[in-house]
Amino acid sequence: MDFNASLTQLATLGAFVFLAGLVDSVAGGGGLITLPAYLHFGLPLNRLLGTNKLSSSLGTAVAAFKFLKELRFKKDFLFVLVVFAALGSFLGARFISLLPPQFIRYLLIIALPPVAFFIIARRRFGLSDQSGLIAEKTLLFRAVLIAFFISFYDGLLGPGTGAFLAVALTRFCGYDLLKATALSKLLNLTSNLSALLTFLILGLVDIKLGLAMGAVGMAGNYLGSHLALKKGVWLIKPALFIVSNALLLKIIWDMVR
């Protein structure tokens, strides 16, 4: 590994990554936990995003497989969404160097309140699947736009992507939160892999640490997806609310301190 850490520190870091995997599989936002944890234990800044993408990709793969195995979607529908998610993430990663970091913080503060608003204002938000009432072509068009633009954000910055995807797919495609979360896992995995490939090419990944923490994250994602499938939207809905608002508060705190 590229930084010095004791076994106790690695175990503590692993505990944070496990928790992040559990939360991320249910509602997204695992980066809210893993990025500060990696920094706290001394991972160099130039390897932070790449290493996090490696470990989170492994964990997200477990959650995506488990969700999609239980909830069936048409393969051609998924293929189109994956292509646009990969494209969006790639363009976002390329675009990030053109924007000042302060602008990204403001962007998050603007984007996150609507997530909380949708959950609070609509009591039956995401409790039933209404996607069958939407024409197939319209549903595909809306899902493609969501996959592209939110994956663009994932390549641009990342934290909260799963939450954004789940809410957008519920709000605009009519899916219940369980189906929306399943789709969000696949799209999030795609955007993660697209960004990870770029970091690997540039040599900005601590591969040993990423693989080790990825194994821990996989366990967290497995447990989280199992709980979500068992408890349904009654677990996902409050988790989504908590993660979204925690991310917003952390961003604001970082700006004012």
C-alpha atoms as a PDB file:
ATOM      1  CA  MET A   1       0.000   0.000   0.000  1.00  0.00           C
ATOM      2  CA  ASP A   2       1.198   3.528  -0.734  1.00  0.00           C
ATOM      3  CA  PHE A   3       0.730   4.965   2.782  1.00  0.00           C
ATOM      4  CA  ASN A   4       1.724   3.860   6.258  1.00  0.00           C
ATOM      5  CA  ALA A   5      -1.110   2.588   8.454  1.00  0.00           C
ATOM      6  CA  SER A   6      -1.196   0.251  11.422  1.00  0.00           C
ATOM      7  CA  LEU A   7      -3.401  -2.821  11.523  1.00  0.00           C
ATOM      8  CA  THR A   8      -5.692  -0.997  13.952  1.00  0.00           C
ATOM      9  CA  GLN A   9      -6.010   1.943  11.567  1.00  0.00           C
ATOM     10  CA  LEU A  10      -6.709  -0.372   8.633  1.00  0.00           C
ATOM     11  CA  ALA A  11      -9.349  -2.211  10.662  1.00  0.00           C
ATOM     12  CA  THR A  12     -10.994   1.078  11.611  1.00  0.00           C
ATOM     13  CA  LEU A  13     -10.884   2.248   8.004  1.00  0.00           C
ATOM     14  CA  GLY A  14     -12.433  -1.080   6.996  1.00  0.00           C
ATOM     15  CA  ALA A  15     -15.265  -0.522   9.470  1.00  0.00           C
ATOM     16  CA  PHE A  16     -16.021   2.843   7.870  1.00  0.00           C
ATOM     17  CA  VAL A  17     -15.931   1.322   4.381  1.00  0.00           C
ATOM     18  CA  PHE A  18     -18.257  -1.497   5.488  1.00  0.00           C
ATOM     19  CA  LEU A  19     -20.734   1.052   6.865  1.00  0.00           C
ATOM     20  CA  ALA A  20     -20.436   3.089   3.671  1.00  0.00           C
ATOM     21  CA  GLY A  21     -21.190  -0.003   1.584  1.00  0.00           C
ATOM     22  CA  LEU A  22     -24.263  -0.783   3.649  1.00  0.00           C
ATOM     23  CA  VAL A  23     -25.591   2.773   3.360  1.00  0.00           C
ATOM     24  CA  ASP A  24     -24.661   3.078  -0.313  1.00  0.00           C
ATOM     25  CA  SER A  25     -26.476  -0.112  -1.317  1.00  0.00           C
ATOM     26  CA  VAL A  26     -29.666   1.203   0.282  1.00  0.00           C
ATOM     27  CA  ALA A  27     -29.661   4.885  -0.582  1.00  0.00           C
ATOM     28  CA  GLY A  28     -26.408   5.956  -2.229  1.00  0.00           C
ATOM     29  CA  GLY A  29     -23.995   8.437  -0.668  1.00  0.00           C
ATOM     30  CA  GLY A  30     -21.327   6.009   0.500  1.00  0.00           C
ATOM     31  CA  GLY A  31     -18.672   8.483  -0.635  1.00  0.00           C
ATOM     32  CA  LEU A  32     -19.809  10.772   2.166  1.00  0.00           C
ATOM     33  CA  ILE A  33     -18.207   8.256   4.538  1.00  0.00           C
ATOM     34  CA  THR A  34     -15.337   6.768   2.523  1.00  0.00           C
ATOM     35  CA  LEU A  35     -13.694   9.941   1.196  1.00  0.00           C
ATOM     36  CA  PRO A  36     -13.243  11.592   4.624  1.00  0.00           C
ATOM     37  CA  ALA A  37     -12.158   8.227   6.073  1.00  0.00           C
ATOM     38  CA  TYR A  38      -9.456   7.709   3.442  1.00  0.00           C
ATOM     39  CA  LEU A  39      -8.204  11.256   4.000  1.00  0.00           C
ATOM     40  CA  HIS A  40      -8.203  10.822   7.776  1.00  0.00           C
ATOM     41  CA  PHE A  41      -5.963   7.762   7.557  1.00  0.00           C
ATOM     42  CA  GLY A  42      -3.467   9.466   5.269  1.00  0.00           C
ATOM     43  CA  LEU A  43      -4.211   8.366   1.709  1.00  0.00           C
ATOM     44  CA  PRO A  44      -2.488  10.856  -0.651  1.00  0.00           C
ATOM     45  CA  LEU A  45      -4.855  13.297  -2.317  1.00  0.00           C
ATOM     46  CA  ASN A  46      -3.732  12.360  -5.807  1.00  0.00           C
ATOM     47  CA  ARG A  47      -4.867   8.757  -5.203  1.00  0.00           C
ATOM     48  CA  LEU A  48      -7.998   9.535  -3.215  1.00  0.00           C
ATOM     49  CA  LEU A  49     -10.647   9.552  -5.944  1.00  0.00           C
ATOM     50  CA  GLY A  50      -9.178   6.682  -7.934  1.00  0.00           C
ATOM     51  CA  THR A  51      -8.785   4.392  -4.924  1.00  0.00           C
ATOM     52  CA  ASN A  52     -12.284   5.232  -3.733  1.00  0.00           C
ATOM     53  CA  LYS A  53     -13.675   4.429  -7.192  1.00  0.00           C
ATOM     54  CA  LEU A  54     -11.962   1.019  -7.135  1.00  0.00           C
ATOM     55  CA  SER A  55     -13.331   0.008  -3.730  1.00  0.00           C
ATOM     56  CA  SER A  56     -16.789   1.465  -4.365  1.00  0.00           C
ATOM     57  CA  SER A  57     -17.045  -0.200  -7.778  1.00  0.00           C
ATOM     58  CA  LEU A  58     -16.537  -3.627  -6.225  1.00  0.00           C
ATOM     59  CA  GLY A  59     -19.164  -2.971  -3.579  1.00  0.00           C
ATOM     60  CA  THR A  60     -21.659  -1.468  -5.998  1.00  0.00           C
ATOM     61  CA  ALA A  61     -21.243  -4.487  -8.290  1.00  0.00           C
ATOM     62  CA  VAL A  62     -22.499  -6.768  -5.510  1.00  0.00           C
ATOM     63  CA  ALA A  63     -25.531  -4.591  -4.800  1.00  0.00           C
ATOM     64  CA  ALA A  64     -26.338  -4.181  -8.509  1.00  0.00           C
ATOM     65  CA  PHE A  65     -26.172  -7.934  -9.154  1.00  0.00           C
ATOM     66  CA  LYS A  66     -28.354  -8.773  -6.167  1.00  0.00           C
ATOM     67  CA  PHE A  67     -30.986  -6.151  -6.984  1.00  0.00           C
ATOM     68  CA  LEU A  68     -31.154  -6.931 -10.701  1.00  0.00           C
ATOM     69  CA  LYS A  69     -31.316 -10.665 -10.039  1.00  0.00           C
ATOM     70  CA  GLU A  70     -34.465 -10.119  -7.987  1.00  0.00           C
ATOM     71  CA  LEU A  71     -36.045  -7.366 -10.103  1.00  0.00           C
ATOM     72  CA  ARG A  72     -36.225  -8.076 -13.835  1.00  0.00           C
ATOM     73  CA  PHE A  73     -35.727  -5.405 -16.521  1.00  0.00           C
ATOM     74  CA  LYS A  74     -35.559  -5.760 -20.307  1.00  0.00           C
ATOM     75  CA  LYS A  75     -31.951  -6.293 -21.438  1.00  0.00           C
ATOM     76  CA  ASP A  76     -32.142  -3.849 -24.355  1.00  0.00           C
ATOM     77  CA  PHE A  77     -33.521  -1.191 -22.010  1.00  0.00           C
ATOM     78  CA  LEU A  78     -30.630  -1.724 -19.593  1.00  0.00           C
ATOM     79  CA  PHE A  79     -28.065  -1.722 -22.419  1.00  0.00           C
ATOM     80  CA  VAL A  80     -29.139   1.707 -23.672  1.00  0.00           C
ATOM     81  CA  LEU A  81     -29.023   3.158 -20.150  1.00  0.00           C
ATOM     82  CA  VAL A  82     -25.559   1.699 -19.516  1.00  0.00           C
ATOM     83  CA  VAL A  83     -24.172   3.264 -22.717  1.00  0.00           C
ATOM     84  CA  PHE A  84     -25.462   6.720 -21.846  1.00  0.00           C
ATOM     85  CA  ALA A  85     -24.345   6.406 -18.220  1.00  0.00           C
ATOM     86  CA  ALA A  86     -20.796   5.538 -19.320  1.00  0.00           C
ATOM     87  CA  LEU A  87     -20.763   8.430 -21.785  1.00  0.00           C
ATOM     88  CA  GLY A  88     -22.067  10.883 -19.211  1.00  0.00           C
ATOM     89  CA  SER A  89     -19.496   9.837 -16.608  1.00  0.00           C
ATOM     90  CA  PHE A  90     -16.630  10.119 -19.091  1.00  0.00           C
ATOM     91  CA  LEU A  91     -17.667  13.626 -20.156  1.00  0.00           C
ATOM     92  CA  GLY A  92     -18.139  14.681 -16.547  1.00  0.00           C
ATOM     93  CA  ALA A  93     -14.636  13.539 -15.610  1.00  0.00           C
ATOM     94  CA  ARG A  94     -13.203  15.454 -18.570  1.00  0.00           C
ATOM     95  CA  PHE A  95     -15.170  18.580 -17.714  1.00  0.00           C
ATOM     96  CA  ILE A  96     -14.265  18.741 -14.014  1.00  0.00           C
ATOM     97  CA  SER A  97     -10.887  20.368 -14.657  1.00  0.00           C
ATOM     98  CA  LEU A  98     -12.631  23.364 -16.241  1.00  0.00           C
ATOM     99  CA  LEU A  99     -14.720  24.242 -13.161  1.00  0.00           C
ATOM    100  CA  PRO A 100     -13.579  25.880  -9.905  1.00  0.00           C
ATOM    101  CA  PRO A 101     -14.159  23.656  -6.857  1.00  0.00           C
ATOM    102  CA  GLN A 102     -16.261  26.344  -5.127  1.00  0.00           C
ATOM    103  CA  PHE A 103     -18.771  26.205  -7.980  1.00  0.00           C
ATOM    104  CA  ILE A 104     -19.226  22.472  -7.416  1.00  0.00           C
ATOM    105  CA  ARG A 105     -20.074  23.038  -3.745  1.00  0.00           C
ATOM    106  CA  TYR A 106     -22.744  25.563  -4.702  1.00  0.00           C
ATOM    107  CA  LEU A 107     -24.049  23.139  -7.306  1.00  0.00           C
ATOM    108  CA  LEU A 108     -24.552  20.474  -4.647  1.00  0.00           C
ATOM    109  CA  ILE A 109     -26.299  22.881  -2.285  1.00  0.00           C
ATOM    110  CA  ILE A 110     -28.733  23.769  -5.083  1.00  0.00           C
ATOM    111  CA  ALA A 111     -29.326  20.160  -6.133  1.00  0.00           C
ATOM    112  CA  LEU A 112     -29.782  18.403  -2.785  1.00  0.00           C
ATOM    113  CA  PRO A 113     -32.790  20.242  -1.259  1.00  0.00           C
ATOM    114  CA  PRO A 114     -35.186  18.991  -3.989  1.00  0.00           C
ATOM    115  CA  VAL A 115     -34.253  15.421  -3.027  1.00  0.00           C
ATOM    116  CA  ALA A 116     -35.432  16.039   0.524  1.00  0.00           C
ATOM    117  CA  PHE A 117     -38.467  17.985  -0.718  1.00  0.00           C
ATOM    118  CA  PHE A 118     -39.746  15.116  -2.865  1.00  0.00           C
ATOM    119  CA  ILE A 119     -39.466  12.697   0.032  1.00  0.00           C
ATOM    120  CA  ILE A 120     -41.123  15.003   2.602  1.00  0.00           C
ATOM    121  CA  ALA A 121     -43.855  16.502   0.415  1.00  0.00           C
ATOM    122  CA  ARG A 122     -45.236  13.268  -1.032  1.00  0.00           C
ATOM    123  CA  ARG A 123     -46.312  10.697   1.521  1.00  0.00           C
ATOM    124  CA  ARG A 124     -46.767   8.017  -1.107  1.00  0.00           C
ATOM    125  CA  PHE A 125     -43.621   8.963  -3.009  1.00  0.00           C
ATOM    126  CA  GLY A 126     -42.067   5.752  -4.297  1.00  0.00           C
ATOM    127  CA  LEU A 127     -44.486   3.405  -2.540  1.00  0.00           C
ATOM    128  CA  SER A 128     -46.070   2.010  -5.717  1.00  0.00           C
ATOM    129  CA  ASP A 129     -44.801   1.287  -9.234  1.00  0.00           C
ATOM    130  CA  GLN A 130     -46.438   3.602 -11.782  1.00  0.00           C
ATOM    131  CA  SER A 131     -43.962   3.004 -14.623  1.00  0.00           C
ATOM    132  CA  GLY A 132     -46.474   0.841 -16.499  1.00  0.00           C
ATOM    133  CA  LEU A 133     -48.660   3.922 -17.039  1.00  0.00           C
ATOM    134  CA  ILE A 134     -45.921   5.636 -19.064  1.00  0.00           C
ATOM    135  CA  ALA A 135     -45.473   4.872 -22.779  1.00  0.00           C
ATOM    136  CA  GLU A 136     -42.437   2.672 -23.425  1.00  0.00           C
ATOM    137  CA  LYS A 137     -40.616   5.186 -25.643  1.00  0.00           C
ATOM    138  CA  THR A 138     -41.298   8.012 -23.191  1.00  0.00           C
ATOM    139  CA  LEU A 139     -40.045   5.895 -20.316  1.00  0.00           C
ATOM    140  CA  LEU A 140     -36.830   5.087 -22.193  1.00  0.00           C
ATOM    141  CA  PHE A 141     -36.288   8.742 -23.135  1.00  0.00           C
ATOM    142  CA  ARG A 142     -36.695   9.912 -19.549  1.00  0.00           C
ATOM    143  CA  ALA A 143     -34.468   7.144 -18.186  1.00  0.00           C
ATOM    144  CA  VAL A 144     -31.749   7.936 -20.751  1.00  0.00           C
ATOM    145  CA  LEU A 145     -31.721  11.618 -19.756  1.00  0.00           C
ATOM    146  CA  ILE A 146     -31.487  10.678 -16.090  1.00  0.00           C
ATOM    147  CA  ALA A 147     -28.708   8.146 -16.733  1.00  0.00           C
ATOM    148  CA  PHE A 148     -26.665  10.580 -18.817  1.00  0.00           C
ATOM    149  CA  PHE A 149     -26.905  13.745 -16.740  1.00  0.00           C
ATOM    150  CA  ILE A 150     -26.572  12.188 -13.294  1.00  0.00           C
ATOM    151  CA  SER A 151     -23.663  10.034 -14.495  1.00  0.00           C
ATOM    152  CA  PHE A 152     -22.135  13.241 -15.850  1.00  0.00           C
ATOM    153  CA  TYR A 153     -22.354  14.578 -12.299  1.00  0.00           C
ATOM    154  CA  ASP A 154     -20.817  11.342 -10.985  1.00  0.00           C
ATOM    155  CA  GLY A 155     -17.798  11.797 -13.229  1.00  0.00           C
ATOM    156  CA  LEU A 156     -17.735  15.465 -12.250  1.00  0.00           C
ATOM    157  CA  LEU A 157     -17.915  14.985  -8.470  1.00  0.00           C
ATOM    158  CA  GLY A 158     -19.712  11.835  -7.274  1.00  0.00           C
ATOM    159  CA  PRO A 159     -21.125  11.859  -3.711  1.00  0.00           C
ATOM    160  CA  GLY A 160     -24.877  11.332  -3.580  1.00  0.00           C
ATOM    161  CA  THR A 161     -25.129   9.905  -7.101  1.00  0.00           C
ATOM    162  CA  GLY A 162     -27.104   6.858  -5.960  1.00  0.00           C
ATOM    163  CA  ALA A 163     -29.569   9.061  -4.092  1.00  0.00           C
ATOM    164  CA  PHE A 164     -30.020  11.360  -7.098  1.00  0.00           C
ATOM    165  CA  LEU A 165     -30.595   8.417  -9.416  1.00  0.00           C
ATOM    166  CA  ALA A 166     -33.108   6.728  -7.124  1.00  0.00           C
ATOM    167  CA  VAL A 167     -35.186   9.873  -6.627  1.00  0.00           C
ATOM    168  CA  ALA A 168     -35.084  10.896 -10.296  1.00  0.00           C
ATOM    169  CA  LEU A 169     -36.089   7.434 -11.536  1.00  0.00           C
ATOM    170  CA  THR A 170     -38.938   7.397  -9.026  1.00  0.00           C
ATOM    171  CA  ARG A 171     -40.127  10.924  -9.748  1.00  0.00           C
ATOM    172  CA  PHE A 172     -39.884  10.977 -13.540  1.00  0.00           C
ATOM    173  CA  CYS A 173     -40.155   7.304 -14.551  1.00  0.00           C
ATOM    174  CA  GLY A 174     -42.778   6.208 -12.054  1.00  0.00           C
ATOM    175  CA  TYR A 175     -40.759   3.380 -10.479  1.00  0.00           C
ATOM    176  CA  ASP A 176     -41.216   2.537  -6.838  1.00  0.00           C
ATOM    177  CA  LEU A 177     -38.128   3.194  -4.760  1.00  0.00           C
ATOM    178  CA  LEU A 178     -37.121  -0.469  -4.779  1.00  0.00           C
ATOM    179  CA  LYS A 179     -36.979  -0.688  -8.594  1.00  0.00           C
ATOM    180  CA  ALA A 180     -35.434   2.775  -8.823  1.00  0.00           C
ATOM    181  CA  THR A 181     -32.728   1.756  -6.367  1.00  0.00           C
ATOM    182  CA  ALA A 182     -32.022  -1.396  -8.394  1.00  0.00           C
ATOM    183  CA  LEU A 183     -31.558   0.629 -11.577  1.00  0.00           C
ATOM    184  CA  SER A 184     -29.501   3.235  -9.747  1.00  0.00           C
ATOM    185  CA  LYS A 185     -27.041   0.543  -8.637  1.00  0.00           C
ATOM    186  CA  LEU A 186     -26.430  -0.562 -12.231  1.00  0.00           C
ATOM    187  CA  LEU A 187     -26.024   2.996 -13.503  1.00  0.00           C
ATOM    188  CA  ASN A 188     -23.831   3.978 -10.574  1.00  0.00           C
ATOM    189  CA  LEU A 189     -21.624   0.943 -11.216  1.00  0.00           C
ATOM    190  CA  THR A 190     -21.293   1.912 -14.873  1.00  0.00           C
ATOM    191  CA  SER A 191     -20.308   5.493 -14.092  1.00  0.00           C
ATOM    192  CA  ASN A 192     -17.866   4.311 -11.412  1.00  0.00           C
ATOM    193  CA  LEU A 193     -16.136   1.935 -13.819  1.00  0.00           C
ATOM    194  CA  SER A 194     -15.894   4.605 -16.498  1.00  0.00           C
ATOM    195  CA  ALA A 195     -14.172   6.990 -14.079  1.00  0.00           C
ATOM    196  CA  LEU A 196     -12.042   4.201 -12.594  1.00  0.00           C
ATOM    197  CA  LEU A 197     -10.652   3.286 -16.007  1.00  0.00           C
ATOM    198  CA  THR A 198      -9.476   6.872 -16.449  1.00  0.00           C
ATOM    199  CA  PHE A 199      -7.775   6.899 -13.032  1.00  0.00           C
ATOM    200  CA  LEU A 200      -6.099   3.552 -13.717  1.00  0.00           C
ATOM    201  CA  ILE A 201      -4.698   4.794 -17.025  1.00  0.00           C
ATOM    202  CA  LEU A 202      -3.293   7.849 -15.229  1.00  0.00           C
ATOM    203  CA  GLY A 203      -1.816   5.684 -12.442  1.00  0.00           C
ATOM    204  CA  LEU A 204      -3.833   7.424  -9.734  1.00  0.00           C
ATOM    205  CA  VAL A 205      -5.094   4.341  -7.875  1.00  0.00           C
ATOM    206  CA  ASP A 206      -3.686   2.555  -4.816  1.00  0.00           C
ATOM    207  CA  ILE A 207      -4.664  -0.852  -6.164  1.00  0.00           C
ATOM    208  CA  LYS A 208      -3.797  -2.949  -3.082  1.00  0.00           C
ATOM    209  CA  LEU A 209      -5.704  -0.690  -0.705  1.00  0.00           C
ATOM    210  CA  GLY A 210      -8.591  -0.337  -3.138  1.00  0.00           C
ATOM    211  CA  LEU A 211      -8.962  -4.096  -3.508  1.00  0.00           C
ATOM    212  CA  ALA A 212      -8.711  -4.693   0.245  1.00  0.00           C
ATOM    213  CA  MET A 213     -11.306  -2.054   1.080  1.00  0.00           C
ATOM    214  CA  GLY A 214     -13.367  -3.185  -1.902  1.00  0.00           C
ATOM    215  CA  ALA A 215     -13.727  -6.642  -0.343  1.00  0.00           C
ATOM    216  CA  VAL A 216     -14.980  -5.046   2.881  1.00  0.00           C
ATOM    217  CA  GLY A 217     -17.316  -2.776   0.938  1.00  0.00           C
ATOM    218  CA  MET A 218     -18.727  -5.777  -0.916  1.00  0.00           C
ATOM    219  CA  ALA A 219     -19.775  -7.303   2.408  1.00  0.00           C
ATOM    220  CA  GLY A 220     -21.474  -4.059   3.408  1.00  0.00           C
ATOM    221  CA  ASN A 221     -23.258  -3.770   0.079  1.00  0.00           C
ATOM    222  CA  TYR A 222     -24.435  -7.369   0.256  1.00  0.00           C
ATOM    223  CA  LEU A 223     -25.955  -6.873   3.691  1.00  0.00           C
ATOM    224  CA  GLY A 224     -27.487  -3.530   2.726  1.00  0.00           C
ATOM    225  CA  SER A 225     -29.086  -4.825  -0.481  1.00  0.00           C
ATOM    226  CA  HIS A 226     -30.427  -7.857   1.398  1.00  0.00           C
ATOM    227  CA  LEU A 227     -32.063  -5.583   3.964  1.00  0.00           C
ATOM    228  CA  ALA A 228     -33.464  -3.298   1.270  1.00  0.00           C
ATOM    229  CA  LEU A 229     -35.028  -6.201  -0.645  1.00  0.00           C
ATOM    230  CA  LYS A 230     -36.499  -7.579   2.571  1.00  0.00           C
ATOM    231  CA  LYS A 231     -37.781  -4.289   4.007  1.00  0.00           C
ATOM    232  CA  GLY A 232     -38.539  -2.565   0.686  1.00  0.00           C
ATOM    233  CA  VAL A 233     -39.204   1.173   0.487  1.00  0.00           C
ATOM    234  CA  TRP A 234     -39.847   1.379   4.240  1.00  0.00           C
ATOM    235  CA  LEU A 235     -36.078   1.055   4.702  1.00  0.00           C
ATOM    236  CA  ILE A 236     -34.936   2.875   1.558  1.00  0.00           C
ATOM    237  CA  LYS A 237     -37.080   5.985   2.035  1.00  0.00           C
ATOM    238  CA  PRO A 238     -35.723   7.100   5.446  1.00  0.00           C
ATOM    239  CA  ALA A 239     -32.168   6.089   4.487  1.00  0.00           C
ATOM    240  CA  LEU A 240     -32.421   8.198   1.341  1.00  0.00           C
ATOM    241  CA  PHE A 241     -33.608  11.165   3.373  1.00  0.00           C
ATOM    242  CA  ILE A 242     -30.845  10.823   5.983  1.00  0.00           C
ATOM    243  CA  VAL A 243     -28.009  10.419   3.451  1.00  0.00           C
ATOM    244  CA  SER A 244     -29.158  13.330   1.271  1.00  0.00           C
ATOM    245  CA  ASN A 245     -29.401  15.738   4.182  1.00  0.00           C
ATOM    246  CA  ALA A 246     -26.177  14.543   5.797  1.00  0.00           C
ATOM    247  CA  LEU A 247     -24.333  15.240   2.553  1.00  0.00           C
ATOM    248  CA  LEU A 248     -25.863  18.715   2.299  1.00  0.00           C
ATOM    249  CA  LEU A 249     -24.952  19.591   5.903  1.00  0.00           C
ATOM    250  CA  LYS A 250     -21.374  18.374   5.411  1.00  0.00           C
ATOM    251  CA  ILE A 251     -20.927  20.535   2.303  1.00  0.00           C
ATOM    252  CA  ILE A 252     -22.278  23.620   4.047  1.00  0.00           C
ATOM    253  CA  TRP A 253     -20.089  22.944   7.099  1.00  0.00           C
ATOM    254  CA  ASP A 254     -16.973  22.629   4.934  1.00  0.00           C
ATOM    255  CA  MET A 255     -17.791  26.007   3.374  1.00  0.00           C
ATOM    256  CA  VAL A 256     -18.324  27.992   6.574  1.00  0.00           C
ATOM    257  CA  ARG A 257     -15.691  26.574   8.926  1.00  0.00           C
END
